[in-house]
Amino acid sequence: MMGIVCPTIRAAVGRRYHQIHFLNKIDMPLSMHPHSIMYDKNNEGADGSKGGSIPPGERYTFTCIAGRGAGARLG
């Protein structure tokens, strides 16, 4: 599987905590793996973490930090 397309998640750079509420609406376990933000092991989304395998119909709230280095520069 190449992955599942989802909406773009935007975060305010420098904001201390962001919560991403994840609801698995398909018939197989899912997760997500964020890039360019800071998170702990439970919010990584890789196998072995609490957010690593969300069963069908279940929810998980990921918590992350968008530090100053997380923002993209344009121009």
Protein backbone atom coordinates (compact mmCIF):
# COMPACT_ATOMS: atom_id res chain seq x y z
CA MET A 1 0.00 0.00 0.00
CA MET A 2 1.32 3.44 -0.91
CA GLY A 3 -0.50 5.13 1.93
CA ILE A 4 -3.80 6.88 2.30
CA VAL A 5 -4.19 10.48 1.29
CA CYS A 6 -5.50 12.65 4.08
CA PRO A 7 -6.04 16.38 4.55
CA THR A 8 -2.97 18.57 5.02
CA ILE A 9 -2.42 19.31 8.68
CA ARG A 10 -1.29 22.88 9.34
CA ALA A 11 0.20 24.05 12.62
CA ALA A 12 1.11 27.41 14.10
CA VAL A 13 4.91 27.51 14.34
CA GLY A 14 6.12 28.07 17.88
CA ARG A 15 2.82 26.99 19.41
CA ARG A 16 3.60 24.65 22.28
CA TYR A 17 1.12 21.81 21.69
CA HIS A 18 -1.08 20.71 18.83
CA GLN A 19 -3.58 17.91 19.09
CA ILE A 20 -4.53 15.86 16.06
CA HIS A 21 -7.69 13.83 16.62
CA PHE A 22 -7.44 10.66 14.52
CA LEU A 23 -10.47 8.46 13.76
CA ASN A 24 -9.89 5.26 11.79
CA LYS A 25 -12.83 4.91 9.40
CA ILE A 26 -11.61 1.93 7.37
CA ASP A 27 -11.50 -1.82 8.00
CA MET A 28 -7.80 -2.20 8.87
CA PRO A 29 -5.50 -0.73 11.54
CA LEU A 30 -4.02 2.66 10.64
CA SER A 31 -1.67 5.26 12.00
CA MET A 32 0.15 8.38 10.87
CA HIS A 33 3.76 9.47 11.04
CA PRO A 34 4.28 13.26 11.19
CA HIS A 35 7.32 15.01 9.75
CA SER A 36 8.95 18.36 10.63
CA ILE A 37 7.44 18.49 14.12
CA MET A 38 8.54 17.22 17.53
CA TYR A 39 6.73 14.37 19.29
CA ASP A 40 7.39 11.68 21.86
CA LYS A 41 7.35 7.90 21.27
CA ASN A 42 3.60 7.57 21.99
CA ASN A 43 2.83 10.16 19.30
CA GLU A 44 5.28 8.90 16.68
CA GLY A 45 2.78 6.69 14.89
CA ALA A 46 5.32 3.94 14.21
CA ASP A 47 4.78 0.34 15.31
CA GLY A 48 5.26 -0.23 19.00
CA SER A 49 3.89 3.10 20.16
CA LYS A 50 0.41 3.85 21.53
CA GLY A 51 -0.48 5.64 18.29
CA GLY A 52 1.20 2.98 16.14
CA SER A 53 -1.86 0.89 15.32
CA ILE A 54 -5.34 2.36 15.70
CA PRO A 55 -7.98 -0.37 15.15
CA PRO A 56 -10.98 0.18 12.85
CA GLY A 57 -13.55 2.48 14.46
CA GLU A 58 -11.15 3.60 17.20
CA ARG A 59 -9.76 7.07 17.97
CA TYR A 60 -6.37 8.34 19.09
CA THR A 61 -5.27 11.88 19.87
CA PHE A 62 -1.72 12.64 18.75
CA THR A 63 0.06 15.49 20.55
CA CYS A 64 3.00 17.32 18.97
CA ILE A 65 4.99 20.54 19.08
CA ALA A 66 5.62 22.74 16.04
CA GLY A 67 8.89 24.40 17.05
CA ARG A 68 10.47 27.33 15.22
CA GLY A 69 12.32 24.96 12.86
CA ALA A 70 9.08 23.33 11.72
CA GLY A 71 7.94 26.19 9.47
CA ALA A 72 8.60 26.23 5.75
CA ARG A 73 10.13 29.33 4.22
CA LEU A 74 8.76 30.61 0.96
CA GLY A 75 10.38 33.05 -1.43
